[in-house]
Amino acid sequence: MLEIFYQKSLTADTDSLDQVFFDWLAVGRYTGFRLSEWAQTRKLTYEYVEGTEESRAMINGDWLCFDREGKLLDKTPGNLKHLFKVNITWRYQKNGRNGETISYWRDDVDPRLCPVRAAWRILMRASRLGIPDHEPIGQYYDHKRRHRVFVNSSEVEELLRIVVTQTTGITDRSIINKMFGMHSLRVTACNELARLGVKDSFIQRRLRWRSNTFLDYLRNNHYTARQHNLSYNIKVSQHDTELLNNLNNRSASLSAQ
């Protein structure tokens, strides 16, 4: 499904929702963003932290960019070639661990899905669209309205439904709504790490859970079915073997970063 969103972004209008959504997917599959951390419920207004005038969602200052030597980079287009990692700080979190910072490294194995390059595109877009420093950077250019608006739940859910129908053939909206929604970024991040075989403590730490409630997000899917067969030494097809080898190679590349 991620590949479909990537292909859509290549032919989409500049700074359109299709381009913006793919970039947030690429970052979110690593960060496990909660909805309130990147998107809004409305198109023209954004949510504040209760009792303050600060944005609940990510703003420009929450993301810092560094080169391989750890030097802070200015957020200017020419520095993309020096970009190695992005530090993301959660000023406010549902779990109460406000001010937590996590680093993400550049992925040179599959640059298309690199979270650091996607984060850079989001930051460059914020500059192009003239997003003030205090506003959420989850915005796109509405070509019909001819001005920038916030990424919002209703439009993103519709994008998800369209692509889910294309990939699965399911057209019943009630079924799709149960399978995918605005919490899908967090679910995806959790299942990707579980599929790669990392320890539960790693998932809990990297995706910012205070307890093991992340286990509720794990899904029985295409990959777990194949791995279940292998655990019983059931012979799998050549196609399945190649798929699992690709997953293992991907796991090794992520572990090496």
Protein backbone atom coordinates (compact mmCIF):
# COMPACT_ATOMS: atom_id res chain seq x y z
CA MET A 1 0.00 0.00 0.00
CA LEU A 2 2.86 2.35 0.76
CA GLU A 3 4.13 1.83 -2.79
CA ILE A 4 0.80 3.06 -4.17
CA PHE A 5 0.98 6.24 -2.12
CA TYR A 6 4.54 6.73 -3.32
CA GLN A 7 3.52 6.40 -6.98
CA LYS A 8 0.59 8.80 -6.44
CA SER A 9 2.94 11.36 -4.93
CA LEU A 10 5.18 11.32 -8.02
CA THR A 11 2.43 12.56 -10.33
CA ALA A 12 0.54 14.74 -7.84
CA ASP A 13 0.46 18.52 -7.88
CA THR A 14 3.27 20.22 -5.97
CA ASP A 15 2.61 20.35 -2.23
CA SER A 16 -0.77 18.65 -2.71
CA LEU A 17 -2.36 16.35 -0.16
CA ASP A 18 -1.11 13.27 -2.03
CA GLN A 19 2.51 14.45 -1.77
CA VAL A 20 2.16 15.60 1.81
CA PHE A 21 0.43 12.43 2.97
CA PHE A 22 3.12 10.18 1.53
CA ASP A 23 5.83 12.16 3.33
CA TRP A 24 4.02 11.85 6.66
CA LEU A 25 3.55 8.12 6.02
CA ALA A 26 7.28 7.71 5.40
CA VAL A 27 8.12 9.50 8.66
CA GLY A 28 5.20 8.06 10.61
CA ARG A 29 6.04 4.41 9.94
CA TYR A 30 9.17 5.07 12.02
CA THR A 31 7.78 7.44 14.64
CA GLY A 32 4.32 5.95 15.19
CA PHE A 33 2.71 9.40 15.34
CA ARG A 34 -0.55 9.76 17.21
CA LEU A 35 -3.21 11.62 15.22
CA SER A 36 -2.95 14.77 17.33
CA GLU A 37 0.80 14.93 16.68
CA TRP A 38 0.56 15.47 12.93
CA ALA A 39 -3.02 16.08 11.73
CA GLN A 40 -6.11 18.04 12.65
CA THR A 41 -9.84 17.35 12.78
CA ARG A 42 -10.58 20.49 10.75
CA LYS A 43 -9.13 21.93 7.58
CA LEU A 44 -8.77 25.57 8.61
CA THR A 45 -8.01 25.46 12.34
CA TYR A 46 -5.62 23.53 14.57
CA GLU A 47 -5.74 22.20 18.11
CA TYR A 48 -3.94 23.80 21.04
CA VAL A 49 -2.47 22.15 24.08
CA GLU A 50 -5.09 22.59 26.78
CA GLY A 51 -4.59 25.78 28.74
CA THR A 52 -2.01 27.19 26.31
CA GLU A 53 -1.75 28.81 22.90
CA GLU A 54 0.75 26.22 21.67
CA SER A 55 0.09 23.81 18.85
CA ARG A 56 -0.48 20.22 19.94
CA ALA A 57 0.88 18.95 16.62
CA MET A 58 4.46 19.11 15.38
CA ILE A 59 5.90 22.53 14.55
CA ASN A 60 9.10 23.47 12.71
CA GLY A 61 11.17 23.87 15.85
CA ASP A 62 10.40 20.33 16.99
CA TRP A 63 12.57 18.90 14.19
CA LEU A 64 16.34 19.47 14.11
CA CYS A 65 18.57 18.25 11.27
CA PHE A 66 22.20 17.12 11.56
CA ASP A 67 25.02 15.94 9.33
CA ARG A 68 26.99 12.72 9.87
CA GLU A 69 29.39 14.47 12.27
CA GLY A 70 26.55 15.71 14.46
CA LYS A 71 26.65 19.31 13.25
CA LEU A 72 23.33 21.15 13.28
CA LEU A 73 22.19 22.02 9.75
CA ASP A 74 20.29 25.08 8.63
CA LYS A 75 16.97 24.15 7.02
CA THR A 76 17.91 25.35 3.55
CA PRO A 77 17.61 23.33 0.30
CA GLY A 78 21.36 23.14 -0.28
CA ASN A 79 21.92 21.16 2.92
CA LEU A 80 20.03 18.07 1.75
CA LYS A 81 23.29 16.52 0.56
CA HIS A 82 24.72 16.82 4.09
CA LEU A 83 21.62 15.54 5.87
CA PHE A 84 22.14 12.39 7.96
CA LYS A 85 19.69 12.41 10.86
CA VAL A 86 16.66 14.19 12.24
CA ASN A 87 15.95 14.65 15.94
CA ILE A 88 12.23 14.90 16.69
CA THR A 89 11.05 16.31 20.00
CA TRP A 90 7.59 15.74 21.40
CA ARG A 91 6.81 18.90 23.38
CA TYR A 92 3.58 17.34 24.60
CA GLN A 93 2.55 13.69 24.66
CA LYS A 94 -0.47 11.68 25.66
CA ASN A 95 1.77 9.57 27.91
CA GLY A 96 2.99 12.65 29.78
CA ARG A 97 6.66 12.28 28.76
CA ASN A 98 6.84 15.81 27.43
CA GLY A 99 10.09 16.96 25.86
CA GLU A 100 11.17 13.47 24.73
CA THR A 101 13.58 13.49 21.77
CA ILE A 102 14.28 10.58 19.40
CA SER A 103 16.82 10.42 16.55
CA TYR A 104 16.15 8.93 13.12
CA TRP A 105 18.89 8.09 10.63
CA ARG A 106 18.92 8.36 6.88
CA ASP A 107 18.00 5.20 4.96
CA ASP A 108 20.24 4.75 1.92
CA VAL A 109 19.00 1.20 1.27
CA ASP A 110 15.60 2.46 0.08
CA PRO A 111 15.80 6.26 -0.29
CA ARG A 112 12.19 6.42 -1.51
CA LEU A 113 10.93 5.47 1.95
CA CYS A 114 13.66 7.22 3.94
CA PRO A 115 12.12 8.97 6.98
CA VAL A 116 14.86 11.58 7.11
CA ARG A 117 14.46 12.62 3.48
CA ALA A 118 10.69 12.73 3.96
CA ALA A 119 11.11 14.88 7.07
CA TRP A 120 13.32 17.22 5.04
CA ARG A 121 10.65 17.52 2.34
CA ILE A 122 8.09 18.40 5.01
CA LEU A 123 10.37 21.11 6.38
CA MET A 124 11.15 22.51 2.92
CA ARG A 125 7.43 22.54 2.14
CA ALA A 126 6.77 24.47 5.35
CA SER A 127 9.21 27.09 4.12
CA ARG A 128 7.68 27.27 0.63
CA LEU A 129 4.16 27.59 2.00
CA GLY A 130 5.20 30.25 4.50
CA ILE A 131 3.96 28.31 7.53
CA PRO A 132 4.61 30.38 10.69
CA ASP A 133 6.87 28.78 13.27
CA HIS A 134 4.03 28.43 15.78
CA GLU A 135 1.70 26.57 13.41
CA PRO A 136 1.66 22.81 12.72
CA ILE A 137 3.82 21.78 9.76
CA GLY A 138 1.21 19.21 8.71
CA GLN A 139 -0.20 21.41 5.96
CA TYR A 140 -0.68 21.18 2.21
CA TYR A 141 -1.58 23.52 -0.63
CA ASP A 142 -5.24 23.35 -1.59
CA HIS A 143 -5.19 24.13 -5.31
CA LYS A 144 -8.93 24.80 -5.34
CA ARG A 145 -8.86 27.25 -2.44
CA ARG A 146 -5.45 28.54 -3.57
CA HIS A 147 -3.98 28.63 -0.09
CA ARG A 148 -2.53 26.28 2.48
CA VAL A 149 -4.73 24.19 4.77
CA PHE A 150 -4.16 21.63 7.50
CA VAL A 151 -3.89 17.91 6.90
CA ASN A 152 -7.14 16.68 8.39
CA SER A 153 -8.69 13.40 9.41
CA SER A 154 -11.64 13.28 7.00
CA GLU A 155 -9.55 13.76 3.86
CA VAL A 156 -6.81 11.38 4.98
CA GLU A 157 -9.34 8.69 5.85
CA GLU A 158 -10.82 9.03 2.37
CA LEU A 159 -7.36 8.61 0.80
CA LEU A 160 -6.84 5.48 2.88
CA ARG A 161 -10.21 4.05 1.88
CA ILE A 162 -9.55 4.55 -1.83
CA VAL A 163 -6.17 2.83 -1.73
CA VAL A 164 -7.40 0.02 0.52
CA THR A 165 -10.13 -0.72 -2.02
CA GLN A 166 -7.53 -0.76 -4.81
CA THR A 167 -5.23 -3.15 -2.97
CA THR A 168 -7.73 -5.48 -1.32
CA GLY A 169 -10.86 -5.26 -3.44
CA ILE A 170 -12.91 -4.50 -0.33
CA THR A 171 -15.59 -1.88 -1.02
CA ASP A 172 -17.65 -2.11 2.17
CA ARG A 173 -16.80 1.11 4.01
CA SER A 174 -17.72 -0.35 7.41
CA ILE A 175 -15.12 -3.11 6.96
CA ILE A 176 -12.48 -0.67 5.71
CA ASN A 177 -13.12 1.66 8.65
CA LYS A 178 -12.44 -1.20 11.05
CA MET A 179 -9.21 -2.10 9.24
CA PHE A 180 -7.76 1.37 8.66
CA GLY A 181 -8.14 4.82 10.13
CA MET A 182 -6.27 7.80 11.48
CA HIS A 183 -4.51 5.58 14.01
CA SER A 184 -3.06 3.47 11.19
CA LEU A 185 0.33 5.21 11.36
CA ARG A 186 0.82 4.04 14.93
CA VAL A 187 -0.46 0.54 14.17
CA THR A 188 1.80 0.29 11.10
CA ALA A 189 4.91 1.37 13.00
CA CYS A 190 4.23 -1.17 15.74
CA ASN A 191 3.63 -4.07 13.34
CA GLU A 192 6.63 -3.21 11.15
CA LEU A 193 8.97 -3.50 14.13
CA ALA A 194 7.30 -6.67 15.37
CA ARG A 195 7.65 -8.20 11.91
CA LEU A 196 11.36 -7.42 11.95
CA GLY A 197 11.72 -9.44 15.14
CA VAL A 198 12.93 -6.70 17.49
CA LYS A 199 12.40 -7.02 21.24
CA ASP A 200 9.22 -5.76 22.86
CA SER A 201 11.25 -3.32 24.95
CA PHE A 202 12.60 -1.77 21.75
CA ILE A 203 9.09 -1.27 20.34
CA GLN A 204 7.94 0.22 23.61
CA ARG A 205 10.87 2.63 23.79
CA ARG A 206 11.03 3.75 20.15
CA LEU A 207 7.28 4.22 19.77
CA ARG A 208 6.92 5.97 23.12
CA TRP A 209 4.68 3.67 25.13
CA ARG A 210 4.88 3.67 28.91
CA SER A 211 3.52 0.13 29.16
CA ASN A 212 3.06 -2.96 27.01
CA THR A 213 -0.31 -1.79 25.67
CA PHE A 214 1.32 -1.70 22.24
CA LEU A 215 0.67 -5.46 22.16
CA ASP A 216 -2.98 -4.60 21.50
CA TYR A 217 -1.90 -3.10 18.16
CA LEU A 218 -0.23 -6.22 16.80
CA ARG A 219 -2.16 -7.77 13.93
CA ASN A 220 -2.46 -11.21 12.37
CA ASN A 221 -1.59 -10.56 8.75
CA HIS A 222 0.02 -11.89 5.57
CA TYR A 223 3.48 -11.96 7.13
CA THR A 224 2.58 -13.59 10.42
CA ALA A 225 0.72 -16.35 8.57
CA ARG A 226 3.87 -17.25 6.61
CA GLN A 227 6.07 -17.05 9.66
CA HIS A 228 3.63 -19.30 11.54
CA ASN A 229 4.01 -21.91 8.81
CA LEU A 230 7.79 -21.72 9.05
CA SER A 231 7.69 -22.17 12.81
CA TYR A 232 6.06 -25.57 12.22
CA ASN A 233 8.56 -26.38 9.46
CA ILE A 234 5.77 -26.41 6.89
CA LYS A 235 7.12 -26.17 3.37
CA VAL A 236 6.42 -22.84 1.72
CA SER A 237 6.50 -21.90 -1.93
CA GLN A 238 9.46 -20.33 -3.71
CA HIS A 239 7.55 -17.05 -3.79
CA ASP A 240 7.03 -17.17 -0.03
CA THR A 241 10.69 -17.99 0.56
CA GLU A 242 11.79 -15.03 -1.54
CA LEU A 243 9.38 -12.76 0.30
CA LEU A 244 10.68 -13.79 3.70
CA ASN A 245 14.27 -13.43 2.53
CA ASN A 246 13.47 -9.88 1.45
CA LEU A 247 11.96 -9.19 4.87
CA ASN A 248 15.05 -10.56 6.59
CA ASN A 249 17.34 -8.46 4.38
CA ARG A 250 15.27 -5.40 5.22
CA SER A 251 15.54 -6.23 8.91
CA ALA A 252 19.31 -6.52 8.67
CA SER A 253 19.61 -3.18 6.90
CA LEU A 254 17.53 -1.44 9.57
CA SER A 255 19.50 -3.03 12.38
CA ALA A 256 22.74 -1.81 10.84
CA GLN A 257 21.65 1.81 10.81
